[in-house]
Amino acid sequence: MNTMPTLAAELAAYLAGADAPARGIAGLSTEELTRPPATTASSGANLGRWSVHQVIVHLWHSDLAATHRLTRIAAEDVPLLIAYDETAFTTALDYHAVDVHDACTLFAINRRHTHQLLRGLPETAATRAGVHNQRGLVTLSGMLRLYVQHVDHHMAFIAAKRTAMGKPM
């Protein structure tokens, strides 16, 4: 029995994360959104290096890269996919100057847009592949799973940051 999710299931999981960033910032003040994280919470949880605001803008920028990668895999034969330096983006582009609510809105719109582009693909498209310059050969299905997990990963950091501020999700 094949236990791998179908392309439709992968796309549904991807779309389900569209509103995660907006949920992550709900009820936080500007000061709480931009507060630098402590190195560890009293629980010992790793809170990362970025503020909640920076994490949200990072998720939006990462999803822009995801859309580019996913649509190229869907449309082209084994495209080359290039990595980027997320830390350089966060530092050089002053993420705190970006409206965090706009970033949440754009993230959600981009997720819905990408889902619309990919939802009509046949199930066989799940195995279409591209070559990432750091990860090697990656499939459409694998990239969808990666970006679902990416949001989950960062939302766990946001939840820990909120808990440390006394503002659990």
N, C-alpha and C. Protein backbone atom coordinates (compact mmCIF):
# COMPACT_ATOMS: atom_id res chain seq x y z
N MET A 1 0.84 -1.19 0.00
CA MET A 1 0.00 0.00 0.00
C MET A 1 0.88 1.24 0.00
N ASN A 2 0.57 2.20 -0.87
CA ASN A 2 1.33 3.45 -0.96
C ASN A 2 0.84 4.41 0.13
N THR A 3 1.76 4.82 1.01
CA THR A 3 1.39 5.74 2.09
C THR A 3 1.80 7.18 1.79
N MET A 4 2.34 7.42 0.60
CA MET A 4 2.72 8.78 0.22
C MET A 4 1.47 9.59 -0.07
N PRO A 5 1.44 10.85 0.41
CA PRO A 5 0.27 11.70 0.13
C PRO A 5 0.14 11.96 -1.37
N THR A 6 -1.07 12.15 -1.82
CA THR A 6 -1.30 12.49 -3.22
C THR A 6 -0.92 13.95 -3.44
N LEU A 7 -0.77 14.32 -4.68
CA LEU A 7 -0.48 15.73 -5.01
C LEU A 7 -1.61 16.61 -4.49
N ALA A 8 -2.84 16.17 -4.64
CA ALA A 8 -3.98 16.96 -4.14
C ALA A 8 -3.87 17.15 -2.63
N ALA A 9 -3.47 16.13 -1.90
CA ALA A 9 -3.32 16.24 -0.44
C ALA A 9 -2.18 17.18 -0.08
N GLU A 10 -1.08 17.10 -0.83
CA GLU A 10 0.06 18.00 -0.59
C GLU A 10 -0.36 19.46 -0.83
N LEU A 11 -1.11 19.68 -1.91
CA LEU A 11 -1.58 21.03 -2.23
C LEU A 11 -2.56 21.54 -1.17
N ALA A 12 -3.41 20.66 -0.67
CA ALA A 12 -4.36 21.06 0.38
C ALA A 12 -3.61 21.46 1.65
N ALA A 13 -2.58 20.71 2.01
CA ALA A 13 -1.78 21.04 3.20
C ALA A 13 -1.06 22.37 2.99
N TYR A 14 -0.56 22.59 1.79
CA TYR A 14 0.11 23.85 1.46
C TYR A 14 -0.87 25.02 1.60
N LEU A 15 -2.05 24.89 1.04
CA LEU A 15 -3.06 25.94 1.11
C LEU A 15 -3.53 26.18 2.55
N ALA A 16 -3.59 25.14 3.34
CA ALA A 16 -4.07 25.26 4.73
C ALA A 16 -3.19 26.20 5.56
N GLY A 17 -1.94 26.39 5.16
CA GLY A 17 -1.05 27.28 5.89
C GLY A 17 -1.16 28.74 5.51
N ALA A 18 -2.08 29.08 4.60
CA ALA A 18 -2.15 30.45 4.08
C ALA A 18 -2.37 31.50 5.17
N ASP A 19 -3.12 31.18 6.18
CA ASP A 19 -3.44 32.17 7.21
C ASP A 19 -2.58 32.02 8.47
N ALA A 20 -1.61 31.13 8.46
CA ALA A 20 -0.77 30.91 9.64
C ALA A 20 -0.05 32.18 10.10
N PRO A 21 0.60 32.94 9.22
CA PRO A 21 1.28 34.15 9.70
C PRO A 21 0.32 35.14 10.38
N ALA A 22 -0.87 35.33 9.82
CA ALA A 22 -1.83 36.26 10.43
C ALA A 22 -2.24 35.77 11.81
N ARG A 23 -2.41 34.46 11.96
CA ARG A 23 -2.73 33.91 13.29
C ARG A 23 -1.57 34.13 14.25
N GLY A 24 -0.35 34.06 13.72
CA GLY A 24 0.84 34.21 14.56
C GLY A 24 1.03 35.59 15.16
N ILE A 25 0.51 36.61 14.48
CA ILE A 25 0.71 37.98 14.99
C ILE A 25 -0.52 38.54 15.69
N ALA A 26 -1.62 37.81 15.65
CA ALA A 26 -2.88 38.30 16.22
C ALA A 26 -2.70 38.71 17.67
N GLY A 27 -3.11 39.95 17.97
CA GLY A 27 -3.08 40.44 19.34
C GLY A 27 -1.75 40.94 19.85
N LEU A 28 -0.73 40.99 18.99
CA LEU A 28 0.58 41.48 19.42
C LEU A 28 0.74 42.96 19.06
N SER A 29 1.34 43.70 19.95
CA SER A 29 1.63 45.12 19.71
C SER A 29 2.87 45.23 18.82
N THR A 30 3.10 46.43 18.31
CA THR A 30 4.30 46.68 17.51
C THR A 30 5.55 46.35 18.31
N GLU A 31 5.57 46.74 19.58
CA GLU A 31 6.73 46.46 20.43
C GLU A 31 6.93 44.95 20.59
N GLU A 32 5.85 44.21 20.77
CA GLU A 32 5.97 42.75 20.91
C GLU A 32 6.40 42.10 19.61
N LEU A 33 5.91 42.61 18.50
CA LEU A 33 6.28 42.06 17.19
C LEU A 33 7.76 42.26 16.89
N THR A 34 8.32 43.39 17.31
CA THR A 34 9.71 43.73 16.96
C THR A 34 10.70 43.43 18.07
N ARG A 35 10.23 42.95 19.21
CA ARG A 35 11.10 42.64 20.34
C ARG A 35 12.11 41.56 19.96
N PRO A 36 13.40 41.83 20.22
CA PRO A 36 14.40 40.79 19.96
C PRO A 36 14.15 39.61 20.90
N PRO A 37 14.31 38.39 20.41
CA PRO A 37 14.05 37.24 21.27
C PRO A 37 15.16 37.06 22.30
N ALA A 38 14.77 36.51 23.43
CA ALA A 38 15.76 36.08 24.42
C ALA A 38 16.45 34.86 23.83
N THR A 39 17.63 34.54 24.32
CA THR A 39 18.33 33.38 23.77
C THR A 39 17.59 32.10 24.09
N THR A 40 16.99 32.02 25.27
CA THR A 40 16.15 30.87 25.60
C THR A 40 15.02 31.35 26.49
N ALA A 41 13.93 30.66 26.40
CA ALA A 41 12.80 30.95 27.28
C ALA A 41 13.07 30.26 28.61
N SER A 42 12.30 30.60 29.62
CA SER A 42 12.46 29.96 30.92
C SER A 42 12.24 28.46 30.81
N SER A 43 11.47 28.04 29.81
CA SER A 43 11.24 26.61 29.60
C SER A 43 12.44 25.94 28.93
N GLY A 44 13.41 26.74 28.48
CA GLY A 44 14.57 26.19 27.79
C GLY A 44 14.37 26.12 26.29
N ALA A 45 13.24 26.60 25.78
CA ALA A 45 12.97 26.54 24.35
C ALA A 45 13.86 27.53 23.61
N ASN A 46 14.35 27.11 22.45
CA ASN A 46 15.14 27.99 21.60
C ASN A 46 14.19 28.97 20.91
N LEU A 47 14.45 30.25 21.06
CA LEU A 47 13.58 31.26 20.47
C LEU A 47 14.14 31.86 19.19
N GLY A 48 15.26 31.35 18.72
CA GLY A 48 15.82 31.83 17.47
C GLY A 48 16.46 33.20 17.59
N ARG A 49 16.85 33.77 16.44
CA ARG A 49 17.56 35.06 16.41
C ARG A 49 16.67 36.21 15.96
N TRP A 50 15.51 35.92 15.43
CA TRP A 50 14.69 36.94 14.81
C TRP A 50 13.47 37.27 15.67
N SER A 51 12.99 38.50 15.52
CA SER A 51 11.73 38.90 16.15
C SER A 51 10.57 38.21 15.42
N VAL A 52 9.39 38.25 16.00
CA VAL A 52 8.20 37.71 15.34
C VAL A 52 8.00 38.42 14.00
N HIS A 53 8.17 39.72 13.98
CA HIS A 53 8.02 40.51 12.76
C HIS A 53 8.96 39.98 11.67
N GLN A 54 10.22 39.78 12.01
CA GLN A 54 11.20 39.30 11.03
C GLN A 54 10.83 37.90 10.53
N VAL A 55 10.35 37.05 11.42
CA VAL A 55 9.95 35.70 11.01
C VAL A 55 8.81 35.78 9.99
N ILE A 56 7.84 36.63 10.24
CA ILE A 56 6.69 36.76 9.33
C ILE A 56 7.13 37.24 7.96
N VAL A 57 7.98 38.26 7.90
CA VAL A 57 8.45 38.76 6.60
C VAL A 57 9.31 37.70 5.91
N HIS A 58 10.11 36.97 6.69
CA HIS A 58 10.89 35.87 6.12
C HIS A 58 9.96 34.82 5.49
N LEU A 59 8.88 34.47 6.18
CA LEU A 59 7.94 33.48 5.62
C LEU A 59 7.38 33.97 4.29
N TRP A 60 7.04 35.25 4.20
CA TRP A 60 6.52 35.79 2.95
C TRP A 60 7.58 35.69 1.85
N HIS A 61 8.80 36.15 2.14
CA HIS A 61 9.85 36.09 1.12
C HIS A 61 10.16 34.65 0.72
N SER A 62 10.17 33.77 1.68
CA SER A 62 10.43 32.36 1.38
C SER A 62 9.33 31.80 0.48
N ASP A 63 8.10 32.19 0.73
CA ASP A 63 7.00 31.69 -0.09
C ASP A 63 7.05 32.25 -1.51
N LEU A 64 7.60 33.44 -1.67
CA LEU A 64 7.80 33.95 -3.03
C LEU A 64 8.79 33.06 -3.77
N ALA A 65 9.86 32.66 -3.10
CA ALA A 65 10.82 31.73 -3.70
C ALA A 65 10.14 30.39 -3.98
N ALA A 66 9.28 29.95 -3.06
CA ALA A 66 8.58 28.68 -3.25
C ALA A 66 7.72 28.71 -4.51
N THR A 67 6.98 29.79 -4.70
CA THR A 67 6.13 29.91 -5.89
C THR A 67 6.98 29.80 -7.15
N HIS A 68 8.08 30.50 -7.17
CA HIS A 68 8.97 30.45 -8.33
C HIS A 68 9.46 29.02 -8.57
N ARG A 69 9.91 28.37 -7.52
CA ARG A 69 10.44 27.01 -7.65
C ARG A 69 9.35 26.02 -8.05
N LEU A 70 8.21 26.08 -7.38
CA LEU A 70 7.13 25.13 -7.66
C LEU A 70 6.60 25.27 -9.08
N THR A 71 6.40 26.49 -9.53
CA THR A 71 5.86 26.68 -10.88
C THR A 71 6.89 26.33 -11.94
N ARG A 72 8.16 26.55 -11.67
CA ARG A 72 9.18 26.14 -12.63
C ARG A 72 9.25 24.63 -12.74
N ILE A 73 9.16 23.93 -11.60
CA ILE A 73 9.16 22.46 -11.65
C ILE A 73 7.95 21.97 -12.43
N ALA A 74 6.80 22.60 -12.20
CA ALA A 74 5.57 22.18 -12.89
C ALA A 74 5.64 22.43 -14.39
N ALA A 75 6.31 23.50 -14.81
CA ALA A 75 6.25 23.93 -16.21
C ALA A 75 7.48 23.56 -17.04
N GLU A 76 8.63 23.43 -16.41
CA GLU A 76 9.87 23.22 -17.16
C GLU A 76 10.43 21.83 -16.89
N ASP A 77 11.28 21.37 -17.79
CA ASP A 77 11.92 20.08 -17.62
C ASP A 77 13.20 20.24 -16.81
N VAL A 78 13.17 19.76 -15.60
CA VAL A 78 14.30 19.73 -14.66
C VAL A 78 15.01 21.09 -14.58
N PRO A 79 14.31 22.12 -14.13
CA PRO A 79 14.93 23.45 -14.03
C PRO A 79 15.95 23.51 -12.90
N LEU A 80 16.88 24.44 -13.04
CA LEU A 80 17.84 24.73 -11.98
C LEU A 80 17.20 25.71 -11.01
N LEU A 81 17.24 25.37 -9.73
CA LEU A 81 16.63 26.18 -8.67
C LEU A 81 17.75 26.70 -7.78
N ILE A 82 17.79 27.99 -7.56
CA ILE A 82 18.90 28.62 -6.85
C ILE A 82 18.49 28.98 -5.42
N ALA A 83 19.38 28.69 -4.48
CA ALA A 83 19.17 29.04 -3.08
C ALA A 83 19.41 30.54 -2.89
N TYR A 84 19.01 31.03 -1.72
CA TYR A 84 19.30 32.41 -1.36
C TYR A 84 19.68 32.44 0.12
N ASP A 85 20.30 33.51 0.54
CA ASP A 85 20.77 33.65 1.92
C ASP A 85 19.72 34.38 2.73
N GLU A 86 18.93 33.64 3.48
CA GLU A 86 17.83 34.24 4.24
C GLU A 86 18.31 35.24 5.28
N THR A 87 19.47 35.00 5.87
CA THR A 87 20.00 35.93 6.87
C THR A 87 20.39 37.24 6.21
N ALA A 88 20.98 37.18 5.03
CA ALA A 88 21.34 38.41 4.31
C ALA A 88 20.09 39.22 3.97
N PHE A 89 19.01 38.52 3.57
CA PHE A 89 17.76 39.22 3.27
C PHE A 89 17.27 39.95 4.52
N THR A 90 17.25 39.25 5.65
CA THR A 90 16.73 39.82 6.89
C THR A 90 17.54 41.04 7.32
N THR A 91 18.84 40.98 7.16
CA THR A 91 19.72 42.07 7.57
C THR A 91 19.69 43.23 6.57
N ALA A 92 19.92 42.94 5.31
CA ALA A 92 20.07 43.99 4.30
C ALA A 92 18.75 44.68 3.96
N LEU A 93 17.65 43.97 4.08
CA LEU A 93 16.38 44.53 3.64
C LEU A 93 15.54 45.14 4.77
N ASP A 94 16.09 45.22 5.95
CA ASP A 94 15.41 45.85 7.09
C ASP A 94 13.96 45.39 7.20
N TYR A 95 13.78 44.13 7.54
CA TYR A 95 12.44 43.55 7.63
C TYR A 95 11.52 44.30 8.57
N HIS A 96 12.07 44.98 9.58
CA HIS A 96 11.20 45.72 10.49
C HIS A 96 10.55 46.93 9.80
N ALA A 97 11.08 47.36 8.66
CA ALA A 97 10.48 48.48 7.92
C ALA A 97 9.31 48.03 7.05
N VAL A 98 9.12 46.72 6.92
CA VAL A 98 8.03 46.17 6.11
C VAL A 98 6.78 46.09 6.98
N ASP A 99 5.65 46.50 6.44
CA ASP A 99 4.39 46.38 7.19
C ASP A 99 4.07 44.90 7.38
N VAL A 100 4.06 44.46 8.62
CA VAL A 100 3.88 43.04 8.92
C VAL A 100 2.49 42.54 8.53
N HIS A 101 1.49 43.42 8.61
CA HIS A 101 0.14 43.02 8.21
C HIS A 101 0.06 42.84 6.70
N ASP A 102 0.74 43.71 5.95
CA ASP A 102 0.83 43.52 4.51
C ASP A 102 1.53 42.20 4.18
N ALA A 103 2.59 41.89 4.90
CA ALA A 103 3.31 40.63 4.66
C ALA A 103 2.39 39.43 4.88
N CYS A 104 1.57 39.49 5.91
CA CYS A 104 0.61 38.40 6.17
C CYS A 104 -0.40 38.28 5.03
N THR A 105 -0.91 39.42 4.59
CA THR A 105 -1.89 39.44 3.50
C THR A 105 -1.27 38.91 2.22
N LEU A 106 -0.08 39.38 1.89
CA LEU A 106 0.60 38.94 0.67
C LEU A 106 0.94 37.45 0.74
N PHE A 107 1.34 36.98 1.90
CA PHE A 107 1.61 35.55 2.08
C PHE A 107 0.36 34.74 1.76
N ALA A 108 -0.77 35.12 2.34
CA ALA A 108 -2.01 34.38 2.12
C ALA A 108 -2.44 34.43 0.66
N ILE A 109 -2.34 35.60 0.04
CA ILE A 109 -2.71 35.73 -1.38
C ILE A 109 -1.78 34.87 -2.23
N ASN A 110 -0.49 34.90 -1.94
CA ASN A 110 0.46 34.13 -2.73
C ASN A 110 0.21 32.63 -2.59
N ARG A 111 -0.11 32.17 -1.38
CA ARG A 111 -0.42 30.74 -1.20
C ARG A 111 -1.64 30.35 -2.03
N ARG A 112 -2.69 31.17 -1.98
CA ARG A 112 -3.89 30.86 -2.74
C ARG A 112 -3.61 30.90 -4.25
N HIS A 113 -2.82 31.88 -4.68
CA HIS A 113 -2.46 32.01 -6.09
C HIS A 113 -1.66 30.78 -6.56
N THR A 114 -0.68 30.38 -5.80
CA THR A 114 0.14 29.23 -6.18
C THR A 114 -0.71 27.96 -6.21
N HIS A 115 -1.60 27.82 -5.24
CA HIS A 115 -2.50 26.68 -5.23
C HIS A 115 -3.35 26.66 -6.50
N GLN A 116 -3.86 27.83 -6.91
CA GLN A 116 -4.66 27.91 -8.13
C GLN A 116 -3.86 27.49 -9.36
N LEU A 117 -2.60 27.88 -9.40
CA LEU A 117 -1.75 27.52 -10.54
C LEU A 117 -1.49 26.02 -10.62
N LEU A 118 -1.36 25.38 -9.46
CA LEU A 118 -0.94 23.98 -9.43
C LEU A 118 -2.07 22.97 -9.30
N ARG A 119 -3.24 23.39 -8.87
CA ARG A 119 -4.31 22.43 -8.55
C ARG A 119 -4.82 21.64 -9.75
N GLY A 120 -4.65 22.15 -10.95
CA GLY A 120 -5.12 21.45 -12.14
C GLY A 120 -4.13 20.45 -12.71
N LEU A 121 -2.97 20.34 -12.09
CA LEU A 121 -1.96 19.41 -12.60
C LEU A 121 -2.39 17.96 -12.38
N PRO A 122 -2.00 17.07 -13.27
CA PRO A 122 -2.30 15.65 -13.04
C PRO A 122 -1.47 15.10 -11.87
N GLU A 123 -1.94 14.04 -11.29
CA GLU A 123 -1.24 13.41 -10.16
C GLU A 123 0.21 13.06 -10.52
N THR A 124 0.46 12.73 -11.76
CA THR A 124 1.82 12.38 -12.19
C THR A 124 2.79 13.54 -12.05
N ALA A 125 2.28 14.77 -11.98
CA ALA A 125 3.15 15.94 -11.82
C ALA A 125 3.87 15.94 -10.49
N ALA A 126 3.39 15.18 -9.52
CA ALA A 126 4.02 15.11 -8.20
C ALA A 126 5.49 14.71 -8.30
N THR A 127 5.83 13.92 -9.31
CA THR A 127 7.21 13.43 -9.45
C THR A 127 8.06 14.28 -10.38
N ARG A 128 7.48 15.33 -10.95
CA ARG A 128 8.29 16.25 -11.76
C ARG A 128 9.37 16.80 -10.85
N ALA A 129 10.54 17.08 -11.41
CA ALA A 129 11.67 17.46 -10.56
C ALA A 129 12.43 18.65 -11.11
N GLY A 130 13.16 19.27 -10.20
CA GLY A 130 14.12 20.31 -10.52
C GLY A 130 15.39 20.00 -9.77
N VAL A 131 16.45 20.72 -10.09
CA VAL A 131 17.73 20.52 -9.39
C VAL A 131 18.03 21.78 -8.60
N HIS A 132 18.01 21.64 -7.28
CA HIS A 132 18.34 22.75 -6.38
C HIS A 132 19.85 22.75 -6.20
N ASN A 133 20.46 23.93 -6.26
CA ASN A 133 21.92 23.99 -6.21
C ASN A 133 22.50 23.55 -4.86
N GLN A 134 21.69 23.43 -3.82
CA GLN A 134 22.18 22.93 -2.53
C GLN A 134 21.55 21.59 -2.15
N ARG A 135 20.31 21.37 -2.49
CA ARG A 135 19.59 20.15 -2.09
C ARG A 135 19.67 19.04 -3.11
N GLY A 136 20.04 19.36 -4.34
CA GLY A 136 20.06 18.35 -5.38
C GLY A 136 18.69 18.19 -6.01
N LEU A 137 18.38 16.99 -6.47
CA LEU A 137 17.12 16.72 -7.15
C LEU A 137 15.96 16.82 -6.16
N VAL A 138 14.97 17.63 -6.50
CA VAL A 138 13.78 17.80 -5.66
C VAL A 138 12.53 17.66 -6.53
N THR A 139 11.52 17.00 -5.98
CA THR A 139 10.27 16.82 -6.72
C THR A 139 9.26 17.90 -6.34
N LEU A 140 8.25 18.04 -7.16
CA LEU A 140 7.17 18.97 -6.87
C LEU A 140 6.53 18.62 -5.53
N SER A 141 6.24 17.36 -5.34
CA SER A 141 5.63 16.92 -4.09
C SER A 141 6.55 17.20 -2.90
N GLY A 142 7.83 16.92 -3.06
CA GLY A 142 8.79 17.17 -1.99
C GLY A 142 8.91 18.65 -1.65
N MET A 143 8.86 19.50 -2.67
CA MET A 143 8.94 20.94 -2.42
C MET A 143 7.69 21.44 -1.70
N LEU A 144 6.53 20.93 -2.08
CA LEU A 144 5.30 21.31 -1.37
C LEU A 144 5.41 20.93 0.11
N ARG A 145 5.86 19.71 0.36
CA ARG A 145 6.02 19.23 1.75
C ARG A 145 7.02 20.10 2.50
N LEU A 146 8.12 20.46 1.85
CA LEU A 146 9.15 21.31 2.46
C LEU A 146 8.56 22.65 2.91
N TYR A 147 7.74 23.27 2.06
CA TYR A 147 7.19 24.58 2.41
C TYR A 147 6.05 24.49 3.42
N VAL A 148 5.36 23.38 3.48
CA VAL A 148 4.39 23.16 4.57
C VAL A 148 5.16 23.06 5.88
N GLN A 149 6.21 22.26 5.89
CA GLN A 149 7.02 22.08 7.10
C GLN A 149 7.74 23.37 7.49
N HIS A 150 8.12 24.17 6.51
CA HIS A 150 8.79 25.44 6.78
C HIS A 150 7.90 26.36 7.61
N VAL A 151 6.64 26.47 7.22
CA VAL A 151 5.70 27.29 7.98
C VAL A 151 5.51 26.70 9.37
N ASP A 152 5.31 25.40 9.46
CA ASP A 152 5.13 24.75 10.77
C ASP A 152 6.33 25.01 11.68
N HIS A 153 7.52 24.91 11.11
CA HIS A 153 8.77 25.13 11.86
C HIS A 153 8.80 26.54 12.45
N HIS A 154 8.52 27.53 11.61
CA HIS A 154 8.58 28.91 12.09
C HIS A 154 7.40 29.27 12.99
N MET A 155 6.25 28.68 12.76
CA MET A 155 5.12 28.94 13.65
C MET A 155 5.39 28.39 15.05
N ALA A 156 6.15 27.31 15.14
CA ALA A 156 6.53 26.79 16.46
C ALA A 156 7.43 27.81 17.18
N PHE A 157 8.34 28.45 16.45
CA PHE A 157 9.17 29.51 17.04
C PHE A 157 8.30 30.68 17.49
N ILE A 158 7.35 31.07 16.66
CA ILE A 158 6.47 32.18 17.02
C ILE A 158 5.66 31.82 18.27
N ALA A 159 5.16 30.60 18.33
CA ALA A 159 4.41 30.17 19.51
C ALA A 159 5.28 30.25 20.77
N ALA A 160 6.54 29.82 20.66
CA ALA A 160 7.45 29.88 21.81
C ALA A 160 7.75 31.33 22.19
N LYS A 161 7.95 32.19 21.20
CA LYS A 161 8.20 33.61 21.47
C LYS A 161 6.99 34.24 22.17
N ARG A 162 5.80 33.90 21.68
CA ARG A 162 4.59 34.45 22.29
C ARG A 162 4.43 33.95 23.72
N THR A 163 4.70 32.70 23.96
CA THR A 163 4.62 32.14 25.32
C THR A 163 5.59 32.85 26.24
N ALA A 164 6.81 33.11 25.76
CA ALA A 164 7.81 33.81 26.57
C ALA A 164 7.37 35.23 26.89
N MET A 165 6.53 35.82 26.01
CA MET A 165 6.00 37.18 26.26
C MET A 165 4.74 37.15 27.11
N GLY A 166 4.26 35.96 27.44
CA GLY A 166 2.99 35.85 28.17
C GLY A 166 1.78 36.04 27.28
N LYS A 167 1.95 35.79 25.97
CA LYS A 167 0.86 35.97 24.98
C LYS A 167 0.73 34.69 24.14
N PRO A 168 0.38 33.57 24.78
CA PRO A 168 0.31 32.34 24.01
C PRO A 168 -0.73 32.40 22.88
N MET A 169 -0.51 31.61 21.86
CA MET A 169 -1.43 31.58 20.71
C MET A 169 -2.71 30.88 21.11
